[in-house]
Amino acid sequence: MEHVAPGLLQLSRAVNRIPHVGRMLKRFVPVANYEGIYPLTEKQLVEWAILDTFDWLSPTYDKPQTTATLTRWMNLSKMRNVEVLKAGHLVARGSKE
């Protein structure tokens, strides 16, 4: 991924510059491109492209859970004031008294 992601990132950037359709078409380039989304340096853009693209393409250890499962885990841990929400990804918080 370290060798491929930088080139794919450049391709994604080039595609993004195509008037009217670039933003949509860049999604077909299989690389994480955070340009214009986060205030990252060039080095950070490449690092994030490598790390996040690898994460997307290697889901071996990715075990997404449901809201119900996370709520059950929080309750089994005897957490109080439990909140479980989906804010882009699953988030839980509570307090241990």
C-alpha atoms as a PDB file:
ATOM      1  CA  MET A   1       0.000   0.000   0.000  1.00  0.00           C
ATOM      2  CA  GLU A   2       2.893   2.367   0.737  1.00  0.00           C
ATOM      3  CA  HIS A   3       3.937   2.185  -2.912  1.00  0.00           C
ATOM      4  CA  VAL A   4       0.482   2.399  -4.497  1.00  0.00           C
ATOM      5  CA  ALA A   5      -1.402   4.911  -2.321  1.00  0.00           C
ATOM      6  CA  PRO A   6       0.680   8.006  -3.206  1.00  0.00           C
ATOM      7  CA  GLY A   7       0.079   7.470  -6.929  1.00  0.00           C
ATOM      8  CA  LEU A   8      -3.611   6.785  -6.399  1.00  0.00           C
ATOM      9  CA  LEU A   9      -3.838   9.940  -4.285  1.00  0.00           C
ATOM     10  CA  GLN A  10      -2.394  11.980  -7.155  1.00  0.00           C
ATOM     11  CA  LEU A  11      -4.864  10.352  -9.553  1.00  0.00           C
ATOM     12  CA  SER A  12      -7.738  11.116  -7.171  1.00  0.00           C
ATOM     13  CA  ARG A  13      -6.645  14.756  -7.000  1.00  0.00           C
ATOM     14  CA  ALA A  14      -6.429  15.012 -10.793  1.00  0.00           C
ATOM     15  CA  VAL A  15      -9.863  13.459 -11.255  1.00  0.00           C
ATOM     16  CA  ASN A  16     -11.274  15.815  -8.618  1.00  0.00           C
ATOM     17  CA  ARG A  17     -10.260  18.794 -10.788  1.00  0.00           C
ATOM     18  CA  ILE A  18     -12.511  17.698 -13.689  1.00  0.00           C
ATOM     19  CA  PRO A  19     -15.274  20.323 -13.865  1.00  0.00           C
ATOM     20  CA  HIS A  20     -18.798  19.293 -12.803  1.00  0.00           C
ATOM     21  CA  VAL A  21     -18.123  15.559 -12.330  1.00  0.00           C
ATOM     22  CA  GLY A  22     -14.737  15.381 -10.613  1.00  0.00           C
ATOM     23  CA  ARG A  23     -16.028  15.217  -7.056  1.00  0.00           C
ATOM     24  CA  MET A  24     -18.235  12.256  -7.933  1.00  0.00           C
ATOM     25  CA  LEU A  25     -15.692  10.445 -10.119  1.00  0.00           C
ATOM     26  CA  LYS A  26     -12.866  10.645  -7.572  1.00  0.00           C
ATOM     27  CA  ARG A  27     -14.823   8.169  -5.442  1.00  0.00           C
ATOM     28  CA  PHE A  28     -14.015   5.479  -8.010  1.00  0.00           C
ATOM     29  CA  VAL A  29     -10.284   5.835  -7.283  1.00  0.00           C
ATOM     30  CA  PRO A  30      -9.678   3.385  -4.415  1.00  0.00           C
ATOM     31  CA  VAL A  31      -7.770   5.675  -2.070  1.00  0.00           C
ATOM     32  CA  ALA A  32      -8.605   7.803   0.962  1.00  0.00           C
ATOM     33  CA  ASN A  33      -8.351  11.443  -0.099  1.00  0.00           C
ATOM     34  CA  TYR A  34      -8.838  14.029   2.657  1.00  0.00           C
ATOM     35  CA  GLU A  35      -7.685  17.043   0.657  1.00  0.00           C
ATOM     36  CA  GLY A  36      -9.984  19.961   1.432  1.00  0.00           C
ATOM     37  CA  ILE A  37     -11.668  18.044   4.243  1.00  0.00           C
ATOM     38  CA  TYR A  38      -9.035  18.275   6.983  1.00  0.00           C
ATOM     39  CA  PRO A  39      -6.205  20.820   7.284  1.00  0.00           C
ATOM     40  CA  LEU A  40      -3.420  18.292   6.629  1.00  0.00           C
ATOM     41  CA  THR A  41       0.072  18.858   5.295  1.00  0.00           C
ATOM     42  CA  GLU A  42       1.138  17.089   2.111  1.00  0.00           C
ATOM     43  CA  LYS A  43       3.006  14.494   4.174  1.00  0.00           C
ATOM     44  CA  GLN A  44      -0.056  13.902   6.362  1.00  0.00           C
ATOM     45  CA  LEU A  45      -2.334  13.549   3.314  1.00  0.00           C
ATOM     46  CA  VAL A  46      -0.100  10.766   1.992  1.00  0.00           C
ATOM     47  CA  GLU A  47       0.179   9.084   5.410  1.00  0.00           C
ATOM     48  CA  TRP A  48      -3.586   9.164   5.923  1.00  0.00           C
ATOM     49  CA  ALA A  49      -4.127   7.862   2.384  1.00  0.00           C
ATOM     50  CA  ILE A  50      -1.864   4.887   3.123  1.00  0.00           C
ATOM     51  CA  LEU A  51      -3.352   4.118   6.551  1.00  0.00           C
ATOM     52  CA  ASP A  52      -7.031   4.615   5.763  1.00  0.00           C
ATOM     53  CA  THR A  53      -6.889   2.890   2.376  1.00  0.00           C
ATOM     54  CA  PHE A  54      -5.236  -0.110   4.009  1.00  0.00           C
ATOM     55  CA  ASP A  55      -7.941  -0.040   6.684  1.00  0.00           C
ATOM     56  CA  TRP A  56     -10.690  -0.009   4.030  1.00  0.00           C
ATOM     57  CA  LEU A  57      -9.192  -2.870   2.051  1.00  0.00           C
ATOM     58  CA  SER A  58      -8.174  -5.185   4.903  1.00  0.00           C
ATOM     59  CA  PRO A  59     -11.255  -5.774   7.039  1.00  0.00           C
ATOM     60  CA  THR A  60      -9.999  -8.996   8.627  1.00  0.00           C
ATOM     61  CA  TYR A  61     -10.117  -7.542  12.133  1.00  0.00           C
ATOM     62  CA  ASP A  62     -13.033  -5.184  11.533  1.00  0.00           C
ATOM     63  CA  LYS A  63     -15.946  -6.369  13.659  1.00  0.00           C
ATOM     64  CA  PRO A  64     -18.732  -3.776  13.415  1.00  0.00           C
ATOM     65  CA  GLN A  65     -21.268  -3.974  16.226  1.00  0.00           C
ATOM     66  CA  THR A  66     -24.895  -2.940  16.496  1.00  0.00           C
ATOM     67  CA  THR A  67     -26.339  -0.301  18.798  1.00  0.00           C
ATOM     68  CA  ALA A  68     -28.101  -3.060  20.738  1.00  0.00           C
ATOM     69  CA  THR A  69     -24.868  -5.016  21.283  1.00  0.00           C
ATOM     70  CA  LEU A  70     -22.960  -1.957  22.449  1.00  0.00           C
ATOM     71  CA  THR A  71     -25.795  -0.996  24.807  1.00  0.00           C
ATOM     72  CA  ARG A  72     -25.805  -4.531  26.226  1.00  0.00           C
ATOM     73  CA  TRP A  73     -22.012  -4.398  26.780  1.00  0.00           C
ATOM     74  CA  MET A  74     -22.302  -1.063  28.557  1.00  0.00           C
ATOM     75  CA  ASN A  75     -25.071  -2.398  30.811  1.00  0.00           C
ATOM     76  CA  LEU A  76     -23.129  -5.609  31.547  1.00  0.00           C
ATOM     77  CA  SER A  77     -20.215  -3.390  32.624  1.00  0.00           C
ATOM     78  CA  LYS A  78     -22.578  -1.764  35.130  1.00  0.00           C
ATOM     79  CA  MET A  79     -22.214   1.646  33.499  1.00  0.00           C
ATOM     80  CA  ARG A  80     -24.715   4.352  34.461  1.00  0.00           C
ATOM     81  CA  ASN A  81     -26.138   7.147  32.333  1.00  0.00           C
ATOM     82  CA  VAL A  82     -25.448   5.091  29.202  1.00  0.00           C
ATOM     83  CA  GLU A  83     -25.728   6.843  25.845  1.00  0.00           C
ATOM     84  CA  VAL A  84     -25.168   5.008  22.577  1.00  0.00           C
ATOM     85  CA  LEU A  85     -25.369   7.001  19.381  1.00  0.00           C
ATOM     86  CA  LYS A  86     -24.394   6.770  15.781  1.00  0.00           C
ATOM     87  CA  ALA A  87     -22.444   9.897  14.839  1.00  0.00           C
ATOM     88  CA  GLY A  88     -20.729   8.749  11.657  1.00  0.00           C
ATOM     89  CA  HIS A  89     -19.678   5.711  13.662  1.00  0.00           C
ATOM     90  CA  LEU A  90     -20.967   4.003  16.785  1.00  0.00           C
ATOM     91  CA  VAL A  91     -20.178   5.886  20.008  1.00  0.00           C
ATOM     92  CA  ALA A  92     -20.958   4.973  23.614  1.00  0.00           C
ATOM     93  CA  ARG A  93     -20.443   6.780  26.846  1.00  0.00           C
ATOM     94  CA  GLY A  94     -21.435   6.284  30.421  1.00  0.00           C
ATOM     95  CA  SER A  95     -20.211   6.696  33.939  1.00  0.00           C
ATOM     96  CA  LYS A  96     -18.993   4.168  36.437  1.00  0.00           C
ATOM     97  CA  GLU A  97     -20.262   4.988  39.928  1.00  0.00           C
END
